C-alpha atoms as a PDB file:
ATOM      1  CA  MET A   1      -4.290  -6.038  -1.903  1.00  0.00           C
ATOM      2  CA  ARG A   2      -4.999  -3.862  -4.938  1.00  0.00           C
ATOM      3  CA  ALA A   3      -2.386  -1.361  -3.790  1.00  0.00           C
ATOM      4  CA  LEU A   4       0.175  -4.132  -3.436  1.00  0.00           C
ATOM      5  CA  ALA A   5      -0.688  -5.485  -6.885  1.00  0.00           C
ATOM      6  CA  TYR A   6      -0.362  -1.968  -8.280  1.00  0.00           C
ATOM      7  CA  LEU A   7       3.108  -1.594  -6.777  1.00  0.00           C
ATOM      8  CA  ALA A   8       4.155  -5.045  -7.957  1.00  0.00           C
ATOM      9  CA  ALA A   9       3.079  -4.309 -11.536  1.00  0.00           C
ATOM     10  CA  ASP A  10       5.934  -1.840 -11.995  1.00  0.00           C
ATOM     11  CA  GLU A  11       9.532  -2.760 -11.225  1.00  0.00           C
ATOM     12  CA  ALA A  12      10.557   0.759 -10.171  1.00  0.00           C
ATOM     13  CA  ARG A  13       7.574   1.135  -7.820  1.00  0.00           C
ATOM     14  CA  VAL A  14       8.041  -2.250  -6.162  1.00  0.00           C
ATOM     15  CA  THR A  15      11.813  -1.847  -5.885  1.00  0.00           C
ATOM     16  CA  ARG A  16      11.358   1.467  -4.085  1.00  0.00           C
ATOM     17  CA  PHE A  17       8.711  -0.080  -1.811  1.00  0.00           C
ATOM     18  CA  PHE A  18      11.031  -2.983  -0.964  1.00  0.00           C
ATOM     19  CA  ALA A  19      13.887  -0.597  -0.217  1.00  0.00           C
ATOM     20  CA  LEU A  20      11.788   1.570   2.091  1.00  0.00           C
ATOM     21  CA  THR A  21      10.031  -1.250   3.941  1.00  0.00           C
ATOM     22  CA  GLY A  22      12.731  -3.889   4.152  1.00  0.00           C
ATOM     23  CA  THR A  23      10.511  -6.500   2.549  1.00  0.00           C
ATOM     24  CA  GLY A  24      11.472  -8.334  -0.578  1.00  0.00           C
ATOM     25  CA  PRO A  25      10.432 -10.992  -3.038  1.00  0.00           C
ATOM     26  CA  ALA A  26      11.208 -13.757  -0.532  1.00  0.00           C
ATOM     27  CA  THR A  27       9.002 -12.314   2.218  1.00  0.00           C
ATOM     28  CA  ILE A  28       6.212 -10.547   0.365  1.00  0.00           C
ATOM     29  CA  ARG A  29       3.772 -13.468   0.220  1.00  0.00           C
ATOM     30  CA  ALA A  30       3.835 -14.061   3.982  1.00  0.00           C
ATOM     31  CA  ALA A  31       3.757 -10.340   4.744  1.00  0.00           C
ATOM     32  CA  ALA A  32       0.745  -9.753   2.488  1.00  0.00           C
ATOM     33  CA  ALA A  33      -1.417 -11.841   4.831  1.00  0.00           C
ATOM     34  CA  SER A  34      -0.943  -9.299   7.613  1.00  0.00           C
ATOM     35  CA  PRO A  35      -3.342  -6.360   8.037  1.00  0.00           C
ATOM     36  CA  ASP A  36      -0.398  -4.366   9.435  1.00  0.00           C
ATOM     37  CA  PHE A  37       1.512  -4.942   6.218  1.00  0.00           C
ATOM     38  CA  LEU A  38      -1.470  -3.908   4.109  1.00  0.00           C
ATOM     39  CA  LEU A  39      -1.682  -0.727   6.174  1.00  0.00           C
ATOM     40  CA  ALA A  40       2.014  -0.144   5.487  1.00  0.00           C
ATOM     41  CA  VAL A  41       1.312  -0.491   1.761  1.00  0.00           C
ATOM     42  CA  LEU A  42      -1.438   2.135   1.971  1.00  0.00           C
ATOM     43  CA  ASP A  43       0.822   4.353   4.095  1.00  0.00           C
ATOM     44  CA  HIS A  44       3.483   4.087   1.405  1.00  0.00           C
ATOM     45  CA  VAL A  45       1.068   4.916  -1.411  1.00  0.00           C
ATOM     46  CA  SER A  46      -0.506   7.801   0.510  1.00  0.00           C
ATOM     47  CA  ALA A  47       2.832   9.326   1.452  1.00  0.00           C
ATOM     48  CA  ASP A  48       3.584  10.153  -2.189  1.00  0.00           C
ATOM     49  CA  GLU A  49       0.895  12.346  -3.732  1.00  0.00           C
ATOM     50  CA  GLY A  50       1.823  11.415  -7.285  1.00  0.00           C
ATOM     51  CA  LEU A  51       1.739   7.708  -6.475  1.00  0.00           C
ATOM     52  CA  LEU A  52      -1.572   8.129  -4.650  1.00  0.00           C
ATOM     53  CA  LEU A  53      -3.138   9.941  -7.583  1.00  0.00           C
ATOM     54  CA  ASP A  54      -1.810   7.411 -10.096  1.00  0.00           C
ATOM     55  CA  PHE A  55      -3.051   4.471  -8.026  1.00  0.00           C
ATOM     56  CA  ALA A  56      -6.464   6.046  -7.456  1.00  0.00           C
ATOM     57  CA  GLY A  57      -6.798   6.692 -11.176  1.00  0.00           C
ATOM     58  CA  ALA A  58      -5.690   3.165 -12.036  1.00  0.00           C
ATOM     59  CA  ILE A  59      -8.402   1.593  -9.886  1.00  0.00           C
ATOM     60  CA  GLY A  60     -11.039   4.217 -10.618  1.00  0.00           C
ATOM     61  CA  VAL A  61     -11.600   5.667  -7.156  1.00  0.00           C
ATOM     62  CA  ALA A  62     -11.124   9.057  -5.564  1.00  0.00           C
ATOM     63  CA  PRO A  63      -7.842   9.441  -3.652  1.00  0.00           C
ATOM     64  CA  GLU A  64      -9.919  10.163  -0.558  1.00  0.00           C
ATOM     65  CA  THR A  65     -11.273   6.607  -0.724  1.00  0.00           C
ATOM     66  CA  ILE A  66      -7.763   5.244  -0.344  1.00  0.00           C
ATOM     67  CA  VAL A  67      -7.027   7.556   2.561  1.00  0.00           C
ATOM     68  CA  THR A  68     -10.292   6.473   4.203  1.00  0.00           C
ATOM     69  CA  ALA A  69      -9.291   2.807   3.837  1.00  0.00           C
ATOM     70  CA  GLN A  70      -5.929   3.657   5.357  1.00  0.00           C
ATOM     71  CA  ASP A  71      -7.633   5.395   8.285  1.00  0.00           C
ATOM     72  CA  LEU A  72      -9.967   2.434   8.821  1.00  0.00           C
ATOM     73  CA  LEU A  73      -7.120  -0.067   8.897  1.00  0.00           C
ATOM     74  CA  GLY A  74      -5.167   2.190  11.220  1.00  0.00           C
ATOM     75  CA  SER A  75      -8.074   2.635  13.637  1.00  0.00           C
ATOM     76  CA  ARG A  76      -8.604  -1.137  13.671  1.00  0.00           C
ATOM     77  CA  ASP A  77      -4.988  -1.555  14.724  1.00  0.00           C
ATOM     78  CA  ALA A  78      -5.399   1.087  17.448  1.00  0.00           C
ATOM     79  CA  ARG A  79      -8.290  -0.889  18.967  1.00  0.00           C
ATOM     80  CA  ASP A  80      -6.349  -4.167  19.128  1.00  0.00           C
END
């Protein structure tokens, strides 16, 4: 959820995210309840090194922590 909040805090970041994912202001609330959507948010952040580094710095964690969270969500999905 922190990654989504980070994207939403900047119009350019969230607009790009909406364009790439097909979500939008009307669907974001429902989508945010889905672990698959949260994984997509982390995938989006991790796919852009600059965005990943900025986000990690903004929340005070190492970028590797975000990638680990992404991996954990992804492996949970693989087990389902």
